[in-house]
N, C-alpha and C. Protein backbone atom coordinates (compact mmCIF):
# COMPACT_ATOMS: atom_id res chain seq x y z
N UNK A 1 6.74 -4.80 13.00
CA UNK A 1 6.34 -3.44 12.72
C UNK A 1 6.25 -2.67 14.04
N UNK A 2 6.75 -1.43 14.03
CA UNK A 2 6.68 -0.63 15.25
C UNK A 2 5.30 0.02 15.37
N UNK A 3 5.11 0.84 16.40
CA UNK A 3 3.81 1.46 16.64
C UNK A 3 3.42 2.48 15.59
N UNK A 4 4.40 3.16 15.01
CA UNK A 4 4.12 4.18 14.01
C UNK A 4 4.83 3.79 12.72
N UNK A 5 4.05 3.31 11.76
CA UNK A 5 4.59 2.93 10.47
C UNK A 5 4.00 3.85 9.41
N UNK A 6 4.82 4.25 8.46
CA UNK A 6 4.40 5.18 7.42
C UNK A 6 4.30 4.46 6.08
N UNK A 7 3.96 5.20 5.05
CA UNK A 7 3.87 4.64 3.70
C UNK A 7 5.23 4.08 3.28
N UNK A 8 6.31 4.71 3.72
CA UNK A 8 7.65 4.22 3.38
C UNK A 8 7.87 2.86 4.02
N UNK A 9 7.46 2.70 5.27
CA UNK A 9 7.57 1.40 5.93
C UNK A 9 6.76 0.35 5.18
N UNK A 10 5.57 0.74 4.73
CA UNK A 10 4.73 -0.20 3.98
C UNK A 10 5.43 -0.63 2.69
N UNK A 11 5.98 0.31 1.95
CA UNK A 11 6.64 -0.02 0.68
C UNK A 11 7.80 -0.97 0.91
N UNK A 12 8.60 -0.71 1.93
CA UNK A 12 9.74 -1.58 2.23
C UNK A 12 9.27 -2.96 2.65
N UNK A 13 8.26 -3.01 3.52
CA UNK A 13 7.74 -4.30 3.98
C UNK A 13 7.11 -5.09 2.83
N UNK A 14 6.36 -4.40 1.97
CA UNK A 14 5.72 -5.08 0.84
C UNK A 14 6.75 -5.58 -0.17
N UNK A 15 7.88 -4.89 -0.27
CA UNK A 15 8.93 -5.33 -1.18
C UNK A 15 9.51 -6.67 -0.76
N UNK A 16 9.47 -6.95 0.52
CA UNK A 16 10.06 -8.18 1.06
C UNK A 16 9.03 -9.22 1.50
N UNK A 17 7.76 -8.84 1.51
CA UNK A 17 6.70 -9.73 2.01
C UNK A 17 5.68 -9.95 0.90
N UNK A 18 5.78 -11.08 0.22
CA UNK A 18 4.87 -11.33 -0.90
C UNK A 18 3.42 -11.43 -0.46
N UNK A 19 3.17 -11.91 0.76
CA UNK A 19 1.79 -11.99 1.25
C UNK A 19 1.17 -10.60 1.37
N UNK A 20 1.92 -9.67 1.95
CA UNK A 20 1.43 -8.30 2.09
C UNK A 20 1.23 -7.66 0.72
N UNK A 21 2.17 -7.87 -0.17
CA UNK A 21 2.09 -7.31 -1.52
C UNK A 21 0.88 -7.88 -2.25
N UNK A 22 0.67 -9.20 -2.16
CA UNK A 22 -0.47 -9.81 -2.83
C UNK A 22 -1.80 -9.34 -2.24
N UNK A 23 -1.82 -9.21 -0.92
CA UNK A 23 -3.03 -8.72 -0.25
C UNK A 23 -3.38 -7.31 -0.74
N UNK A 24 -2.37 -6.46 -0.85
CA UNK A 24 -2.61 -5.08 -1.30
C UNK A 24 -3.05 -5.06 -2.76
N UNK A 25 -2.44 -5.88 -3.58
CA UNK A 25 -2.83 -5.94 -4.99
C UNK A 25 -4.28 -6.39 -5.13
N UNK A 26 -4.65 -7.44 -4.42
CA UNK A 26 -6.04 -7.92 -4.46
C UNK A 26 -7.00 -6.83 -4.00
N UNK A 27 -6.59 -6.11 -2.95
CA UNK A 27 -7.43 -5.01 -2.46
C UNK A 27 -7.59 -3.94 -3.53
N UNK A 28 -6.51 -3.54 -4.18
CA UNK A 28 -6.61 -2.51 -5.23
C UNK A 28 -7.44 -2.98 -6.41
N UNK A 29 -7.41 -4.28 -6.68
CA UNK A 29 -8.21 -4.83 -7.79
C UNK A 29 -9.71 -4.72 -7.55
N UNK A 30 -10.12 -4.44 -6.31
CA UNK A 30 -11.55 -4.27 -6.00
C UNK A 30 -12.02 -2.85 -6.31
N UNK A 31 -11.12 -2.00 -6.84
CA UNK A 31 -11.44 -0.60 -7.13
C UNK A 31 -11.97 0.15 -5.92
N UNK A 32 -11.17 0.19 -4.85
CA UNK A 32 -11.62 0.85 -3.62
C UNK A 32 -11.73 2.35 -3.80
N UNK A 33 -12.54 2.97 -2.95
CA UNK A 33 -12.61 4.43 -2.94
C UNK A 33 -11.63 4.96 -1.89
N UNK A 34 -11.56 6.26 -1.76
CA UNK A 34 -10.61 6.90 -0.85
C UNK A 34 -10.77 6.39 0.58
N UNK A 35 -12.01 6.34 1.06
CA UNK A 35 -12.28 5.93 2.43
C UNK A 35 -11.82 4.49 2.68
N UNK A 36 -12.01 3.63 1.70
CA UNK A 36 -11.60 2.24 1.83
C UNK A 36 -10.07 2.12 1.86
N UNK A 37 -9.39 2.90 1.04
CA UNK A 37 -7.91 2.87 1.04
C UNK A 37 -7.39 3.34 2.39
N UNK A 38 -7.92 4.45 2.86
CA UNK A 38 -7.51 4.98 4.16
C UNK A 38 -7.76 3.94 5.26
N UNK A 39 -8.92 3.30 5.22
CA UNK A 39 -9.27 2.29 6.22
C UNK A 39 -8.36 1.07 6.15
N UNK A 40 -7.98 0.65 4.93
CA UNK A 40 -7.10 -0.51 4.76
C UNK A 40 -5.78 -0.26 5.49
N UNK A 41 -5.20 0.91 5.29
CA UNK A 41 -3.94 1.24 5.97
C UNK A 41 -4.14 1.41 7.47
N UNK A 42 -5.23 2.06 7.86
CA UNK A 42 -5.51 2.25 9.30
C UNK A 42 -5.62 0.91 10.02
N UNK A 43 -6.31 -0.05 9.42
CA UNK A 43 -6.48 -1.37 10.03
C UNK A 43 -5.15 -2.07 10.26
N UNK A 44 -4.19 -1.75 9.42
CA UNK A 44 -2.88 -2.39 9.51
C UNK A 44 -1.86 -1.52 10.23
N UNK A 45 -2.36 -0.46 10.87
CA UNK A 45 -1.53 0.42 11.70
C UNK A 45 -0.48 1.21 10.93
N UNK A 46 -0.81 1.56 9.67
CA UNK A 46 0.07 2.44 8.89
C UNK A 46 -0.54 3.84 8.92
N UNK A 47 0.30 4.82 9.19
CA UNK A 47 -0.12 6.22 9.15
C UNK A 47 0.13 6.70 7.71
N UNK A 48 -0.96 6.86 6.96
CA UNK A 48 -0.87 7.26 5.56
C UNK A 48 -1.73 8.50 5.38
N UNK A 49 -1.15 9.53 4.82
CA UNK A 49 -1.87 10.81 4.67
C UNK A 49 -2.97 10.71 3.62
N UNK A 50 -3.89 11.66 3.68
CA UNK A 50 -4.95 11.72 2.67
C UNK A 50 -4.34 11.86 1.28
N UNK A 51 -3.33 12.70 1.15
CA UNK A 51 -2.68 12.91 -0.14
C UNK A 51 -2.05 11.62 -0.66
N UNK A 52 -1.43 10.85 0.22
CA UNK A 52 -0.82 9.58 -0.20
C UNK A 52 -1.90 8.60 -0.68
N UNK A 53 -3.04 8.57 -0.01
CA UNK A 53 -4.13 7.70 -0.44
C UNK A 53 -4.65 8.13 -1.82
N UNK A 54 -4.78 9.42 -2.01
CA UNK A 54 -5.23 9.94 -3.31
C UNK A 54 -4.24 9.56 -4.40
N UNK A 55 -2.96 9.71 -4.12
CA UNK A 55 -1.92 9.35 -5.11
C UNK A 55 -1.95 7.86 -5.44
N UNK A 56 -2.20 7.03 -4.44
CA UNK A 56 -2.31 5.58 -4.68
C UNK A 56 -3.47 5.30 -5.62
N UNK A 57 -4.62 5.93 -5.38
CA UNK A 57 -5.77 5.74 -6.25
C UNK A 57 -5.50 6.24 -7.66
N UNK A 58 -4.84 7.37 -7.78
CA UNK A 58 -4.54 7.93 -9.10
C UNK A 58 -3.58 7.05 -9.89
N UNK A 59 -2.72 6.32 -9.18
CA UNK A 59 -1.68 5.54 -9.85
C UNK A 59 -1.83 4.03 -9.68
N UNK A 60 -3.00 3.57 -9.23
CA UNK A 60 -3.15 2.16 -8.88
C UNK A 60 -2.89 1.23 -10.07
N UNK A 61 -3.18 1.65 -11.27
CA UNK A 61 -2.93 0.80 -12.43
C UNK A 61 -1.44 0.63 -12.71
N UNK A 62 -0.65 1.59 -12.29
CA UNK A 62 0.80 1.53 -12.54
C UNK A 62 1.58 0.94 -11.39
N UNK A 63 0.99 0.82 -10.23
CA UNK A 63 1.72 0.43 -9.02
C UNK A 63 2.39 -0.94 -9.18
N UNK A 64 1.70 -1.90 -9.76
CA UNK A 64 2.25 -3.25 -9.86
C UNK A 64 2.77 -3.58 -11.25
N UNK A 65 2.70 -2.64 -12.18
CA UNK A 65 3.19 -2.94 -13.52
C UNK A 65 4.72 -2.79 -13.55
N UNK A 66 5.37 -3.84 -13.95
CA UNK A 66 6.83 -3.81 -14.11
C UNK A 66 7.61 -3.71 -12.82
N UNK A 67 7.03 -4.15 -11.72
CA UNK A 67 7.76 -4.09 -10.44
C UNK A 67 8.87 -5.12 -10.40
N UNK A 68 10.02 -4.67 -10.00
CA UNK A 68 11.12 -5.58 -9.70
C UNK A 68 11.45 -5.37 -8.24
N UNK A 69 11.37 -6.44 -7.46
CA UNK A 69 11.67 -6.34 -6.04
C UNK A 69 13.17 -6.20 -5.89
N UNK A 70 13.58 -5.20 -5.16
CA UNK A 70 15.00 -4.95 -4.95
C UNK A 70 15.36 -5.28 -3.50
N UNK A 71 16.61 -5.58 -3.30
CA UNK A 71 17.10 -5.84 -1.95
C UNK A 71 17.48 -4.52 -1.28
N UNK A 72 16.74 -4.12 -0.28
CA UNK A 72 17.02 -2.86 0.42
C UNK A 72 17.91 -3.14 1.59
């Protein structure tokens, strides 16, 4: 991962890294609040906007439903 990673970088990395994907799923299963979501990404050096964090929370139940990992 480079010094500046975005939500797009996270999505691509999670598509190919089951450990990262599982870690994120377990985190979302704890029903985090906005501050916790922002902190989770900050700790992992991802630059994620407030709006992106809000969208993740709004859609967290759908994020892992029916996911098919694709080869990018």
